[in-house]
Amino acid sequence: MFTEVATTDVLREVRAYDFETEPVHEFGASRIDAITALDRVIRAAQAEQLAQIAALHAERVQLQGIHRGDPTLSVIGEVGMARNIGPTAAGTQVGVALRLEQLPRVQDLFAAGQISEPVVRAVVNESVSLGADDLVVLDGEIAPLLPGLTARQAGRLTARAMEPSQRGA
């Protein structure tokens, strides 16, 4: 029902929909559709939040330059205050935001609401040892397979894709 609604319009459409007129024999199908669509909105908002964190970091790197403090620590502190979370959680989020920028196809799926934040974190955590060139290859290999996977499945997929036999090593 709400699958054709643009992500930016979902909340308005769900709030405006009259669920009480739904036939009894549908057993709440419209509400399930609303829940699914709202999850897409949440994921897109989380992706945008990470994009804003990465952009803030890039700005701080330019502003602070060399020998003027650590821009990453600055961003971690500000994210923690803005979100009312501790420095460890903020640091994790900043790390995910920065790594996600190196996985543009995964980032696009997240922004479209097709994969969840736990899936993104699983991919980021499993790929932490890869360099930029290998990340490009990994991104292209796993992105089409991620929609519909759980975080655990995404982590396993990423780990398998990184195995030396898969990397041509």
Protein backbone atom coordinates (compact mmCIF):
# COMPACT_ATOMS: atom_id res chain seq x y z
CA MET A 1 0.00 0.00 0.00
CA PHE A 2 2.67 2.56 0.97
CA THR A 3 5.42 1.02 -1.18
CA GLU A 4 4.90 3.54 -3.99
CA VAL A 5 4.96 6.53 -1.63
CA ALA A 6 8.18 8.54 -1.65
CA THR A 7 10.21 8.10 1.52
CA THR A 8 9.86 11.79 2.31
CA ASP A 9 6.05 11.53 2.20
CA VAL A 10 5.50 8.28 4.09
CA LEU A 11 4.92 9.76 7.54
CA ARG A 12 2.32 12.21 6.22
CA GLU A 13 0.55 9.49 4.21
CA VAL A 14 0.46 7.02 7.11
CA ARG A 15 -0.90 9.65 9.47
CA ALA A 16 -3.58 10.65 6.96
CA TYR A 17 -4.69 7.11 6.09
CA ASP A 18 -7.99 5.95 7.60
CA PHE A 19 -7.16 2.48 8.88
CA GLU A 20 -10.64 2.10 10.38
CA THR A 21 -12.18 1.70 6.92
CA GLU A 22 -10.04 -1.33 6.14
CA PRO A 23 -12.11 -4.50 5.60
CA VAL A 24 -11.96 -6.95 8.50
CA HIS A 25 -10.86 -9.80 6.24
CA GLU A 26 -7.57 -8.03 5.51
CA PHE A 27 -6.41 -8.60 9.12
CA GLY A 28 -4.47 -5.35 9.41
CA ALA A 29 -2.58 -5.67 6.13
CA SER A 30 -2.54 -1.89 5.72
CA ARG A 31 -1.02 -1.47 9.16
CA ILE A 32 1.71 -3.98 8.26
CA ASP A 33 2.36 -2.01 5.07
CA ALA A 34 2.58 1.17 7.15
CA ILE A 35 5.05 -0.44 9.55
CA THR A 36 7.22 -1.56 6.63
CA ALA A 37 7.11 1.87 5.00
CA LEU A 38 7.93 3.61 8.29
CA ASP A 39 10.93 1.32 8.71
CA ARG A 40 12.13 2.54 5.31
CA VAL A 41 11.83 6.13 6.58
CA ILE A 42 13.77 5.31 9.76
CA ARG A 43 16.56 3.71 7.74
CA ALA A 44 16.74 6.65 5.35
CA ALA A 45 16.89 9.05 8.31
CA GLN A 46 19.67 7.02 9.91
CA ALA A 47 21.59 7.07 6.62
CA GLU A 48 21.18 10.82 6.38
CA GLN A 49 22.33 11.22 9.97
CA LEU A 50 25.52 9.29 9.16
CA ALA A 51 26.02 11.39 6.02
CA GLN A 52 25.72 14.56 8.10
CA ILE A 53 28.24 13.19 10.61
CA ALA A 54 30.71 12.40 7.82
CA ALA A 55 30.20 15.88 6.33
CA LEU A 56 30.75 17.49 9.74
CA HIS A 57 33.98 15.51 10.07
CA ALA A 58 35.15 16.66 6.64
CA GLU A 59 34.43 20.28 7.59
CA ARG A 60 36.33 19.90 10.86
CA VAL A 61 39.32 18.38 9.11
CA GLN A 62 39.50 21.43 6.84
CA LEU A 63 38.97 23.93 9.65
CA GLN A 64 41.30 22.45 12.23
CA GLY A 65 44.19 21.57 9.98
CA ILE A 66 47.46 20.29 11.40
CA HIS A 67 48.41 20.84 15.05
CA ARG A 68 45.06 22.34 16.03
CA GLY A 69 43.42 19.46 17.80
CA ASP A 70 41.87 16.25 16.63
CA PRO A 71 38.86 16.79 14.35
CA THR A 72 37.59 13.27 15.00
CA LEU A 73 37.52 13.81 18.76
CA SER A 74 35.76 17.11 18.21
CA VAL A 75 33.07 15.46 16.09
CA ILE A 76 32.68 12.57 18.54
CA GLY A 77 32.09 15.05 21.35
CA GLU A 78 29.57 17.05 19.39
CA VAL A 79 27.70 13.99 18.13
CA GLY A 80 27.53 12.68 21.68
CA MET A 81 26.06 15.95 22.92
CA ALA A 82 23.68 16.32 19.98
CA ARG A 83 22.34 12.79 20.35
CA ASN A 84 22.61 12.57 24.13
CA ILE A 85 24.80 9.48 23.93
CA GLY A 86 28.13 8.58 25.47
CA PRO A 87 31.50 9.05 23.81
CA THR A 88 31.86 5.35 22.99
CA ALA A 89 28.54 5.23 21.15
CA ALA A 90 29.30 8.54 19.44
CA GLY A 91 32.75 7.29 18.43
CA THR A 92 31.26 4.15 16.97
CA GLN A 93 28.75 6.18 14.99
CA VAL A 94 31.45 8.52 13.67
CA GLY A 95 33.55 5.50 12.66
CA VAL A 96 30.63 3.91 10.82
CA ALA A 97 29.85 7.22 9.09
CA LEU A 98 33.41 7.63 7.86
CA ARG A 99 33.74 4.04 6.68
CA LEU A 100 30.33 4.07 4.99
CA GLU A 101 31.53 6.89 2.74
CA GLN A 102 33.98 4.38 1.26
CA LEU A 103 31.13 1.98 0.44
CA PRO A 104 28.94 4.06 -1.90
CA ARG A 105 26.68 1.23 -3.07
CA VAL A 106 26.03 0.10 0.49
CA GLN A 107 25.46 3.75 1.39
CA ASP A 108 22.90 4.11 -1.42
CA LEU A 109 21.00 1.03 -0.25
CA PHE A 110 20.91 2.42 3.28
CA ALA A 111 19.75 5.85 2.09
CA ALA A 112 16.96 4.18 0.12
CA GLY A 113 15.90 2.29 3.24
CA GLN A 114 16.64 -1.09 1.70
CA ILE A 115 19.06 -2.21 4.41
CA SER A 116 19.14 -1.54 8.15
CA GLU A 117 21.73 0.19 10.31
CA PRO A 118 22.73 -3.15 11.94
CA VAL A 119 23.43 -4.52 8.45
CA VAL A 120 25.57 -1.48 7.66
CA ARG A 121 27.46 -1.86 10.93
CA ALA A 122 28.06 -5.56 10.23
CA VAL A 123 29.55 -4.76 6.82
CA VAL A 124 31.68 -1.95 8.26
CA ASN A 125 32.91 -4.07 11.17
CA GLU A 126 33.82 -7.03 8.98
CA SER A 127 35.61 -4.89 6.39
CA VAL A 128 37.66 -2.79 8.81
CA SER A 129 40.94 -4.38 7.69
CA LEU A 130 40.51 -3.59 3.99
CA GLY A 131 42.22 -0.79 2.14
CA ALA A 132 40.48 1.63 -0.20
CA ASP A 133 40.97 -0.43 -3.37
CA ASP A 134 39.66 -3.62 -1.80
CA LEU A 135 36.69 -1.72 -0.36
CA VAL A 136 35.65 -0.64 -3.84
CA VAL A 137 35.64 -4.24 -5.01
CA LEU A 138 33.87 -5.47 -1.87
CA ASP A 139 31.21 -2.77 -2.18
CA GLY A 140 30.40 -3.84 -5.73
CA GLU A 141 30.32 -7.53 -4.85
CA ILE A 142 28.14 -7.48 -1.75
CA ALA A 143 25.80 -4.52 -2.23
CA PRO A 144 23.37 -6.30 -4.58
CA LEU A 145 23.11 -9.18 -2.10
CA LEU A 146 22.45 -7.17 1.08
CA PRO A 147 18.73 -6.30 0.84
CA GLY A 148 16.76 -8.76 2.92
CA LEU A 149 19.72 -9.98 4.98
CA THR A 150 19.99 -9.82 8.74
CA ALA A 151 23.04 -8.22 10.33
CA ARG A 152 24.53 -11.64 11.03
CA GLN A 153 24.00 -12.77 7.45
CA ALA A 154 25.50 -9.52 6.14
CA GLY A 155 28.54 -9.98 8.36
CA ARG A 156 29.04 -13.53 7.11
CA LEU A 157 28.59 -12.43 3.50
CA THR A 158 31.20 -9.70 3.98
CA ALA A 159 33.62 -12.08 5.69
CA ARG A 160 33.23 -14.65 2.89
CA ALA A 161 33.78 -11.99 0.23
CA MET A 162 37.01 -10.99 1.98
CA GLU A 163 38.48 -14.50 2.11
CA PRO A 164 41.78 -14.78 0.23
CA SER A 165 40.31 -17.29 -2.22
CA GLN A 166 37.62 -14.74 -3.10
CA ARG A 167 40.11 -11.87 -3.37
CA GLY A 168 42.42 -13.68 -5.78
CA ALA A 169 45.25 -13.87 -3.24
